Amino acid sequence: MPSINSRIRGEKMDYRLRYFMIVLASVLLTAAIAGSVLAEVLITEVLYDPATSESDTEFVELYNTGDTAADISGWKLNTTSVQAAIPDGTEIAPGSYYLIADIDGSASWPADWPAPDLADEITLTNTDSGIRLQDAQGNLIDALGWGNPAESLYLGTSASHVPEGESLARKQQSSVFIQTRNNSNDFLAALPTPKSSRASDPLEPRQELTISASVSGNKPSLESFTIIQDDKTDDGIQILPLAGKTRNLTIQAAVSDQDGIEDIASVKISAKGATIPLGEKTSLNTTSSLYEATLSMAFYDAPGIYNLTLAATDSSGETASTTLSFEYLSIVAFGVDTSEITLSGLSGQSADAIGDLDFLTPQNPTIKNLGNTPLDFRLSASDLDSGSAVIPAGNLQYTFLDSDFTGSLSGTLSNSPQLENLDLLPGHQSLREFSLRLSIPLGTGAGSYQGTLYLSGVAS
């Protein structure tokens, strides 16, 4: 799953007190938590200046934020010329990514990156440029510019240049991609984490699986039984949870009775220890109707195989039944209740930001498991830089247990990622406090210090 990038900002205070504030901007990574929306495609990450090969690792990542598939046939990525044309028949499933990459055969594409959905010889200029996404009719869908690009290549104010090897990644707030149509506000520098439709978390093209059961006499007949959603092209039905919210599955069954459809007394499914009635949706003919119900799957429901039993009963008590199974996939996702952590202190002293177990108090950071898999966390940070002085990353300590910076769930940050075995279990209210402490070296000059904190969730 995608890494979590955090931005650290500060602002200068009264020089007479040698007092300063350090602001750590923490960007949240999870699957989107939103209501039902139409398909909207966003540019979510661009690597325009790779550290390896300019001709083989540039990429543009798109994401469908909606609940319906987005048809992107004939869409184009442009700079001052067309860089990539998306083939006819291309769709992005809801909650899924689409990766366009510059691959010319020089074999520089990293082995741990997903294979792109579209490989083309795209050219992204390293300075004062941008990328424009437009539909088949030439209408602007999204744009991202860096430096001082042409007006058609950015929205609002263009983003700042990022260092070689880093990408421009769209910010997230509580697992929802930010879209203010202002590049400088919507994007920040991050380590590249390209995602394609082949990744584990996006939805892939769906297929319907029909199961028929034939009976004799006047007993009801089950013509079909299916789940409309199917998030993988593998055999069977696979369902991907929605991070932090309920996934509603549409169950449909076609039922017939040779004595007339009015002879059907009830159609029900048994699932997750409950019985759910199906309502008549459409009359197919005088002896058949289509029935439908909704099965709700919580984001924290355990991954694995779920069995559904369909039973149709007529007025004489005759019952026909069949079963259908689907796989509920695992998902790694988490959220943080704040986008900024503020630390304030004097030279030679320490400054704390103490977390709590209340997800509605942004001044006290809280982490919440939004998936169905126990979570550990990988952490690292850059040095804090004011432009004239540096506070090493090793002066930052963290803890996942209140203010205990010396216990088993604490540690010291560095430039290299380190794994904390937190084992944060899934659940409706699976919370953990997250606290930071900055030890300010004696003699540190007053000023604004800036750096980056990286926080990633991994399956335990």
Protein backbone atom coordinates (compact mmCIF):
# COMPACT_ATOMS: atom_id res chain seq x y z
CA MET A 1 0.00 0.00 0.00
CA PRO A 2 0.88 3.50 -0.58
CA SER A 3 3.66 5.22 1.82
CA ILE A 4 2.65 8.15 4.05
CA ASN A 5 4.58 11.36 3.57
CA SER A 6 4.59 14.12 6.21
CA ARG A 7 5.71 17.73 5.86
CA ILE A 8 7.40 19.61 8.68
CA ARG A 9 6.95 23.39 8.78
CA GLY A 10 7.75 26.00 11.36
CA GLU A 11 7.35 29.68 11.98
CA LYS A 12 9.63 32.16 13.71
CA MET A 13 8.73 33.43 17.19
CA ASP A 14 10.10 36.22 19.47
CA TYR A 15 13.90 36.32 19.15
CA ARG A 16 14.23 37.69 22.71
CA LEU A 17 12.98 34.36 24.10
CA ARG A 18 14.98 32.32 21.54
CA TYR A 19 11.64 30.58 21.10
CA PHE A 20 10.58 28.80 17.96
CA MET A 21 7.92 26.53 16.64
CA ILE A 22 8.45 23.48 14.48
CA VAL A 23 5.54 22.21 12.49
CA LEU A 24 5.42 18.68 11.18
CA ALA A 25 2.94 18.31 8.38
CA SER A 26 1.73 14.71 8.31
CA VAL A 27 0.05 13.53 5.13
CA LEU A 28 -2.44 10.70 5.54
CA LEU A 29 -2.56 7.58 3.35
CA THR A 30 -5.62 5.37 3.20
CA ALA A 31 -8.28 4.39 0.91
CA ALA A 32 -10.86 7.07 0.33
CA ILE A 33 -13.58 7.67 2.90
CA ALA A 34 -16.36 9.35 0.99
CA GLY A 35 -19.97 9.00 0.01
CA SER A 36 -21.24 7.87 -3.35
CA VAL A 37 -19.89 10.12 -6.10
CA LEU A 38 -19.66 10.08 -9.86
CA ALA A 39 -16.41 8.97 -11.46
CA GLU A 40 -13.73 11.69 -11.23
CA VAL A 41 -10.22 11.04 -12.48
CA LEU A 42 -7.31 12.87 -10.83
CA ILE A 43 -3.58 13.03 -11.41
CA THR A 44 -2.29 11.66 -8.08
CA GLU A 45 1.48 11.29 -8.59
CA VAL A 46 4.10 12.35 -11.16
CA LEU A 47 7.80 11.43 -11.26
CA TYR A 48 9.39 13.84 -13.75
CA ASP A 49 13.04 13.81 -12.58
CA PRO A 50 14.01 10.23 -11.61
CA ALA A 51 17.32 9.50 -9.93
CA THR A 52 18.00 6.52 -12.18
CA SER A 53 17.09 6.78 -15.85
CA GLU A 54 15.40 9.80 -17.41
CA SER A 55 14.23 7.64 -20.29
CA ASP A 56 12.87 4.67 -18.41
CA THR A 57 11.34 5.55 -15.02
CA GLU A 58 9.25 8.68 -15.45
CA PHE A 59 5.58 8.02 -14.71
CA VAL A 60 2.15 9.62 -14.30
CA GLU A 61 -0.39 7.99 -11.94
CA LEU A 62 -4.16 8.50 -12.32
CA TYR A 63 -6.89 7.57 -9.81
CA ASN A 64 -10.69 7.21 -10.10
CA THR A 65 -12.18 8.75 -6.94
CA GLY A 66 -15.76 7.82 -7.84
CA ASP A 67 -18.03 4.83 -7.30
CA THR A 68 -18.44 4.12 -11.04
CA ALA A 69 -15.97 3.08 -13.72
CA ALA A 70 -14.36 5.95 -15.68
CA ASP A 71 -14.07 5.45 -19.46
CA ILE A 72 -10.78 7.13 -20.44
CA SER A 73 -10.72 5.93 -24.04
CA GLY A 74 -8.92 8.44 -26.26
CA TRP A 75 -7.74 10.60 -23.37
CA LYS A 76 -4.32 12.23 -23.75
CA LEU A 77 -1.44 13.36 -21.59
CA ASN A 78 0.09 16.51 -23.01
CA THR A 79 3.00 18.79 -22.25
CA THR A 80 3.63 21.11 -25.17
CA SER A 81 2.86 18.07 -27.32
CA VAL A 82 0.98 14.79 -26.94
CA GLN A 83 2.99 12.49 -24.64
CA ALA A 84 0.60 9.54 -24.37
CA ALA A 85 -2.71 8.57 -25.97
CA ILE A 86 -4.85 6.14 -23.98
CA PRO A 87 -6.21 3.26 -26.10
CA ASP A 88 -9.90 2.77 -26.86
CA GLY A 89 -11.77 0.51 -24.45
CA THR A 90 -9.78 1.63 -21.41
CA GLU A 91 -11.60 2.09 -18.09
CA ILE A 92 -10.47 2.84 -14.54
CA ALA A 93 -12.50 0.89 -12.00
CA PRO A 94 -13.89 2.77 -8.99
CA GLY A 95 -11.23 3.34 -6.36
CA SER A 96 -8.51 2.11 -8.76
CA TYR A 97 -5.32 3.51 -10.27
CA TYR A 98 -4.01 3.68 -13.86
CA LEU A 99 -0.24 3.97 -14.37
CA ILE A 100 1.37 5.52 -17.46
CA ALA A 101 5.15 5.04 -17.60
CA ASP A 102 8.10 5.90 -19.83
CA ILE A 103 9.57 2.51 -20.71
CA ASP A 104 11.82 2.32 -23.76
CA GLY A 105 13.40 -1.07 -23.10
CA SER A 106 16.52 0.01 -21.20
CA ALA A 107 15.40 -2.18 -18.25
CA SER A 108 15.62 0.56 -15.61
CA TRP A 109 12.07 0.10 -14.32
CA PRO A 110 12.45 -1.01 -10.66
CA ALA A 111 11.51 -4.62 -10.01
CA ASP A 112 9.48 -3.74 -6.91
CA TRP A 113 7.27 -1.27 -8.81
CA PRO A 114 4.03 -2.57 -10.38
CA ALA A 115 3.97 -3.07 -14.12
CA PRO A 116 2.41 0.01 -15.76
CA ASP A 117 -0.99 -0.12 -17.45
CA LEU A 118 0.37 1.88 -20.41
CA ALA A 119 4.03 2.09 -21.47
CA ASP A 120 4.94 4.89 -23.84
CA GLU A 121 8.00 7.02 -24.55
CA ILE A 122 6.82 10.03 -22.58
CA THR A 123 9.16 12.98 -21.95
CA LEU A 124 8.67 15.10 -18.83
CA THR A 125 10.91 18.18 -18.60
CA ASN A 126 12.72 18.52 -15.27
CA THR A 127 12.22 22.27 -14.85
CA ASP A 128 9.38 24.74 -15.46
CA SER A 129 7.00 22.30 -17.07
CA GLY A 130 3.88 20.28 -16.36
CA ILE A 131 1.42 17.68 -17.60
CA ARG A 132 -2.16 18.17 -18.82
CA LEU A 133 -4.80 15.41 -18.81
CA GLN A 134 -7.64 15.92 -21.28
CA ASP A 135 -10.51 13.78 -22.51
CA ALA A 136 -11.17 12.60 -26.05
CA GLN A 137 -12.92 15.89 -26.87
CA GLY A 138 -9.99 17.96 -25.63
CA ASN A 139 -11.66 19.06 -22.38
CA LEU A 140 -9.33 19.62 -19.44
CA ILE A 141 -9.64 16.91 -16.77
CA ASP A 142 -6.65 17.78 -14.55
CA ALA A 143 -3.22 19.38 -14.75
CA LEU A 144 -0.05 19.53 -12.66
CA GLY A 145 2.77 21.99 -13.19
CA TRP A 146 6.10 22.53 -11.46
CA GLY A 147 8.31 25.62 -11.39
CA ASN A 148 7.15 28.20 -13.94
CA PRO A 149 5.30 26.22 -16.65
CA ALA A 150 3.04 27.33 -19.47
CA GLU A 151 -0.39 28.47 -18.26
CA SER A 152 -2.16 25.45 -19.76
CA LEU A 153 -0.05 23.01 -17.72
CA TYR A 154 -1.12 23.81 -14.15
CA LEU A 155 -4.13 24.66 -11.96
CA GLY A 156 -4.15 27.64 -9.60
CA THR A 157 -0.48 28.04 -8.66
CA SER A 158 2.09 25.55 -9.92
CA ALA A 159 3.90 23.31 -7.45
CA SER A 160 7.51 23.88 -6.42
CA HIS A 161 10.28 21.83 -7.95
CA VAL A 162 11.17 18.65 -6.04
CA PRO A 163 14.65 17.12 -5.61
CA GLU A 164 15.90 14.59 -8.11
CA GLY A 165 14.45 11.16 -7.37
CA GLU A 166 11.36 12.48 -5.57
CA SER A 167 7.87 12.71 -7.03
CA LEU A 168 5.00 15.16 -6.73
CA ALA A 169 2.24 13.31 -4.84
CA ARG A 170 -1.30 14.52 -4.21
CA LYS A 171 -2.03 15.16 -0.53
CA GLN A 172 -4.68 13.19 1.35
CA GLN A 173 -6.84 14.24 4.29
CA SER A 174 -8.38 11.35 6.25
CA SER A 175 -7.68 9.06 3.27
CA VAL A 176 -9.40 11.35 0.72
CA PHE A 177 -7.34 12.90 -2.06
CA ILE A 178 -7.34 16.71 -1.77
CA GLN A 179 -8.60 18.58 -4.85
CA THR A 180 -8.68 22.38 -4.49
CA ARG A 181 -7.58 22.88 -8.12
CA ASN A 182 -4.43 24.56 -6.87
CA ASN A 183 -1.26 22.55 -7.53
CA SER A 184 0.83 24.26 -4.85
CA ASN A 185 -1.81 23.40 -2.25
CA ASP A 186 -2.69 19.91 -3.51
CA PHE A 187 0.78 18.35 -4.03
CA LEU A 188 3.97 17.78 -2.03
CA ALA A 189 7.35 16.11 -2.50
CA ALA A 190 7.40 12.39 -1.71
CA LEU A 191 9.31 9.19 -2.33
CA PRO A 192 7.91 7.57 -5.52
CA THR A 193 5.17 4.98 -4.89
CA PRO A 194 3.59 4.22 -8.27
CA LYS A 195 0.36 2.21 -8.24
CA SER A 196 -1.37 0.57 -11.19
CA SER A 197 -4.60 -1.32 -11.72
CA ARG A 198 -2.56 -4.45 -10.91
CA ALA A 199 -1.92 -3.26 -7.35
CA SER A 200 -3.55 -5.07 -4.43
CA ASP A 201 -5.79 -2.20 -3.30
CA PRO A 202 -7.54 -0.87 -6.48
CA LEU A 203 -10.64 -2.37 -8.00
CA GLU A 204 -10.15 -4.28 -11.25
CA PRO A 205 -12.70 -4.96 -14.04
CA ARG A 206 -15.69 -6.84 -12.71
CA GLN A 207 -17.37 -9.99 -14.00
CA GLU A 208 -20.67 -11.67 -13.16
CA LEU A 209 -20.84 -15.29 -12.08
CA THR A 210 -24.17 -17.02 -12.68
CA ILE A 211 -25.22 -20.20 -10.89
CA SER A 212 -28.35 -22.01 -12.11
CA ALA A 213 -30.39 -24.64 -10.27
CA SER A 214 -33.10 -26.68 -12.05
CA VAL A 215 -35.97 -28.36 -10.21
CA SER A 216 -38.93 -30.40 -11.28
CA GLY A 217 -42.64 -30.01 -10.63
CA ASN A 218 -44.01 -26.83 -9.09
CA LYS A 219 -41.01 -26.24 -6.88
CA PRO A 220 -39.43 -22.77 -7.32
CA SER A 221 -36.44 -22.64 -9.66
CA LEU A 222 -33.36 -20.51 -9.05
CA GLU A 223 -32.22 -19.32 -12.46
CA SER A 224 -29.27 -17.20 -11.32
CA PHE A 225 -27.57 -16.05 -8.13
CA THR A 226 -24.75 -13.51 -8.23
CA ILE A 227 -22.97 -10.60 -6.61
CA ILE A 228 -22.86 -7.67 -9.02
CA GLN A 229 -19.50 -6.42 -7.76
CA ASP A 230 -16.33 -8.39 -8.57
CA ASP A 231 -12.99 -6.65 -8.05
CA LYS A 232 -10.63 -9.18 -9.64
CA THR A 233 -10.45 -11.05 -12.94
CA ASP A 234 -9.47 -14.26 -11.15
CA ASP A 235 -11.88 -17.22 -11.00
CA GLY A 236 -14.69 -16.72 -8.51
CA ILE A 237 -15.74 -13.46 -6.90
CA GLN A 238 -13.30 -11.28 -4.98
CA ILE A 239 -14.40 -8.20 -3.03
CA LEU A 240 -12.00 -5.46 -1.92
CA PRO A 241 -12.95 -3.66 1.32
CA LEU A 242 -13.31 0.12 1.37
CA ALA A 243 -10.89 1.63 3.87
CA GLY A 244 -12.72 3.03 6.86
CA LYS A 245 -16.25 2.55 5.55
CA THR A 246 -18.87 -0.05 4.71
CA ARG A 247 -18.85 -1.84 1.34
CA ASN A 248 -22.42 -2.50 0.18
CA LEU A 249 -22.70 -5.50 -2.13
CA THR A 250 -25.67 -5.94 -4.48
CA ILE A 251 -27.03 -9.49 -4.40
CA GLN A 252 -29.32 -10.48 -7.29
CA ALA A 253 -31.26 -13.68 -7.92
CA ALA A 254 -33.56 -14.65 -10.77
CA VAL A 255 -36.35 -16.93 -9.46
CA SER A 256 -39.08 -18.70 -11.46
CA ASP A 257 -42.15 -20.79 -10.59
CA GLN A 258 -44.19 -22.65 -13.19
CA ASP A 259 -47.33 -21.97 -11.15
CA GLY A 260 -46.73 -18.24 -11.69
CA ILE A 261 -44.39 -15.81 -9.99
CA GLU A 262 -47.17 -14.80 -7.58
CA ASP A 263 -46.77 -18.29 -6.05
CA ILE A 264 -43.37 -17.26 -4.62
CA ALA A 265 -43.87 -16.45 -0.94
CA SER A 266 -40.32 -15.39 -0.01
CA VAL A 267 -36.77 -15.11 -1.33
CA LYS A 268 -34.01 -14.82 1.29
CA ILE A 269 -30.26 -15.15 1.72
CA SER A 270 -28.38 -16.31 4.81
CA ALA A 271 -25.06 -14.53 5.26
CA LYS A 272 -22.79 -13.58 8.18
CA GLY A 273 -25.18 -15.24 10.63
CA ALA A 274 -28.19 -13.16 9.53
CA THR A 275 -31.17 -13.65 7.20
CA ILE A 276 -31.77 -10.93 4.61
CA PRO A 277 -34.96 -10.77 2.50
CA LEU A 278 -34.68 -10.02 -1.21
CA GLY A 279 -37.25 -7.68 -2.71
CA GLU A 280 -38.74 -8.10 -6.17
CA LYS A 281 -36.89 -5.72 -8.48
CA THR A 282 -38.11 -6.57 -11.99
CA SER A 283 -40.73 -8.90 -13.48
CA LEU A 284 -39.04 -10.89 -16.25
CA ASN A 285 -42.19 -12.68 -17.44
CA THR A 286 -45.29 -14.33 -15.95
CA THR A 287 -43.25 -17.05 -14.20
CA SER A 288 -39.95 -15.29 -13.37
CA SER A 289 -38.74 -12.22 -11.51
CA LEU A 290 -35.44 -10.67 -10.53
CA TYR A 291 -34.94 -10.20 -6.78
CA GLU A 292 -32.35 -7.99 -5.10
CA ALA A 293 -30.87 -7.21 -1.67
CA THR A 294 -27.87 -5.42 -0.17
CA LEU A 295 -25.21 -7.19 1.90
CA SER A 296 -23.09 -4.80 4.00
CA MET A 297 -19.44 -5.63 4.64
CA ALA A 298 -17.60 -3.57 7.26
CA PHE A 299 -14.06 -2.46 6.50
CA TYR A 300 -12.86 -4.44 9.53
CA ASP A 301 -14.64 -7.71 8.62
CA ALA A 302 -12.01 -10.47 8.53
CA PRO A 303 -10.55 -11.41 5.15
CA GLY A 304 -11.44 -14.87 3.87
CA ILE A 305 -14.20 -16.91 2.21
CA TYR A 306 -17.84 -15.95 2.91
CA ASN A 307 -20.72 -18.26 1.97
CA LEU A 308 -24.21 -17.09 0.97
CA THR A 309 -27.23 -19.40 0.92
CA LEU A 310 -30.21 -18.42 -1.25
CA ALA A 311 -33.64 -19.93 -0.49
CA ALA A 312 -36.86 -19.33 -2.47
CA THR A 313 -40.08 -20.68 -0.93
CA ASP A 314 -43.49 -20.95 -2.59
CA SER A 315 -46.95 -20.77 -1.02
CA SER A 316 -47.04 -24.53 -0.41
CA GLY A 317 -43.77 -24.49 1.52
CA GLU A 318 -41.65 -26.00 -1.23
CA THR A 319 -38.14 -24.51 -1.08
CA ALA A 320 -35.29 -24.36 -3.58
CA SER A 321 -31.85 -23.36 -2.34
CA THR A 322 -28.29 -22.87 -3.56
CA THR A 323 -25.05 -21.38 -2.32
CA LEU A 324 -22.56 -18.81 -3.54
CA SER A 325 -19.12 -17.97 -2.12
CA PHE A 326 -16.96 -14.91 -2.41
CA GLU A 327 -13.54 -13.94 -1.09
CA TYR A 328 -13.26 -10.82 1.04
CA LEU A 329 -9.74 -9.54 0.37
CA SER A 330 -7.35 -8.08 2.92
CA ILE A 331 -6.61 -4.35 2.97
CA VAL A 332 -3.90 -2.39 4.76
CA ALA A 333 -5.07 1.14 5.58
CA PHE A 334 -4.85 3.66 8.38
CA GLY A 335 -5.76 7.26 9.14
CA VAL A 336 -4.45 10.04 11.35
CA ASP A 337 -6.77 12.66 12.85
CA THR A 338 -4.50 15.60 12.05
CA SER A 339 -2.59 17.02 9.12
CA GLU A 340 -0.15 19.00 11.28
CA ILE A 341 1.76 18.29 14.49
CA THR A 342 3.12 21.38 16.20
CA LEU A 343 6.21 21.30 18.45
CA SER A 344 7.38 24.38 20.38
CA GLY A 345 10.37 24.76 22.67
CA LEU A 346 13.50 26.62 23.76
CA SER A 347 17.08 25.94 22.78
CA GLY A 348 18.49 23.22 25.01
CA GLN A 349 15.07 21.88 25.94
CA SER A 350 12.61 19.39 24.47
CA ALA A 351 9.20 19.90 22.89
CA ASP A 352 6.42 17.29 22.98
CA ALA A 353 3.24 16.63 21.03
CA ILE A 354 1.30 14.00 23.00
CA GLY A 355 -1.27 11.80 21.27
CA ASP A 356 -4.53 10.45 22.68
CA LEU A 357 -7.25 7.89 21.86
CA ASP A 358 -9.79 10.44 20.61
CA PHE A 359 -9.95 10.62 16.80
CA LEU A 360 -11.63 14.04 17.00
CA THR A 361 -8.78 15.93 18.73
CA PRO A 362 -6.29 16.92 15.99
CA GLN A 363 -4.02 18.65 18.52
CA ASN A 364 -3.37 15.21 20.06
CA PRO A 365 -2.45 12.82 17.21
CA THR A 366 -4.32 9.52 16.97
CA ILE A 367 -3.81 6.65 14.51
CA LYS A 368 -6.76 4.48 13.46
CA ASN A 369 -6.68 1.12 11.68
CA LEU A 370 -9.03 1.55 8.70
CA GLY A 371 -8.45 -1.90 7.22
CA ASN A 372 -9.02 -5.53 8.21
CA THR A 373 -5.40 -6.50 8.80
CA PRO A 374 -3.25 -5.99 11.94
CA LEU A 375 -0.76 -3.18 11.34
CA ASP A 376 2.87 -2.50 12.10
CA PHE A 377 4.46 0.81 11.13
CA ARG A 378 7.63 1.85 9.32
CA LEU A 379 9.00 5.30 10.25
CA SER A 380 11.80 7.59 9.07
CA ALA A 381 12.46 11.32 8.89
CA SER A 382 14.72 13.83 7.20
CA ASP A 383 16.85 16.34 9.07
CA LEU A 384 15.17 19.63 10.02
CA ASP A 385 16.70 22.51 8.05
CA SER A 386 16.25 26.25 8.54
CA GLY A 387 18.48 27.15 5.60
CA SER A 388 21.32 28.15 7.89
CA ALA A 389 21.22 25.43 10.53
CA VAL A 390 20.20 21.77 10.80
CA ILE A 391 18.65 19.71 13.58
CA PRO A 392 19.41 16.02 12.86
CA ALA A 393 16.50 13.59 12.49
CA GLY A 394 17.97 11.66 15.42
CA ASN A 395 16.71 14.43 17.73
CA LEU A 396 13.14 13.26 17.07
CA GLN A 397 11.67 10.51 19.24
CA TYR A 398 8.32 8.80 18.83
CA THR A 399 6.03 6.61 20.89
CA PHE A 400 2.77 4.81 20.26
CA LEU A 401 1.93 4.75 23.98
CA ASP A 402 0.90 8.09 25.52
CA SER A 403 4.09 9.95 26.56
CA ASP A 404 6.28 6.89 27.22
CA PHE A 405 9.32 7.67 25.07
CA THR A 406 11.44 4.88 26.63
CA GLY A 407 9.04 1.92 26.46
CA SER A 408 8.71 -0.98 24.04
CA LEU A 409 6.57 1.00 21.56
CA SER A 410 8.97 3.94 21.27
CA GLY A 411 12.10 4.76 19.33
CA THR A 412 14.37 7.38 17.82
CA LEU A 413 13.84 8.48 14.22
CA SER A 414 16.58 8.50 11.61
CA ASN A 415 16.96 8.96 7.87
CA SER A 416 16.62 5.19 7.41
CA PRO A 417 13.23 3.47 7.79
CA GLN A 418 12.71 1.37 10.92
CA LEU A 419 9.89 -1.05 11.70
CA GLU A 420 7.82 -0.75 14.88
CA ASN A 421 5.93 -3.97 15.69
CA LEU A 422 2.72 -2.33 16.88
CA ASP A 423 0.24 -5.07 15.85
CA LEU A 424 -2.65 -2.59 15.75
CA LEU A 425 -5.67 -4.88 15.39
CA PRO A 426 -8.58 -4.07 13.04
CA GLY A 427 -11.89 -2.96 14.49
CA HIS A 428 -14.53 -0.25 14.46
CA GLN A 429 -12.59 1.79 17.02
CA SER A 430 -9.05 0.43 16.70
CA LEU A 431 -7.04 3.44 17.89
CA ARG A 432 -3.51 4.17 19.06
CA GLU A 433 -1.96 7.42 20.27
CA PHE A 434 1.07 8.76 18.34
CA SER A 435 3.40 11.17 20.17
CA LEU A 436 6.56 13.01 19.11
CA ARG A 437 9.37 14.62 21.10
CA LEU A 438 12.02 16.97 19.68
CA SER A 439 15.24 17.44 21.68
CA ILE A 440 16.49 20.92 20.71
CA PRO A 441 20.31 21.14 20.94
CA LEU A 442 21.67 23.87 23.18
CA GLY A 443 22.77 26.82 21.07
CA THR A 444 20.35 26.07 18.23
CA GLY A 445 19.52 29.30 16.47
CA ALA A 446 15.97 30.56 16.52
CA GLY A 447 14.16 30.17 13.23
CA SER A 448 11.89 28.06 11.11
CA TYR A 449 13.03 24.48 10.55
CA GLN A 450 11.56 22.22 7.92
CA GLY A 451 11.83 18.53 7.14
CA THR A 452 9.81 15.46 6.28
CA LEU A 453 8.38 12.60 8.35
CA TYR A 454 7.54 9.31 6.62
CA LEU A 455 4.98 6.99 8.27
CA SER A 456 3.86 3.81 6.49
CA GLY A 457 1.52 1.05 7.60
CA VAL A 458 2.49 -2.57 6.85
CA ALA A 459 0.70 -5.82 7.55
CA SER A 460 1.80 -7.46 10.80
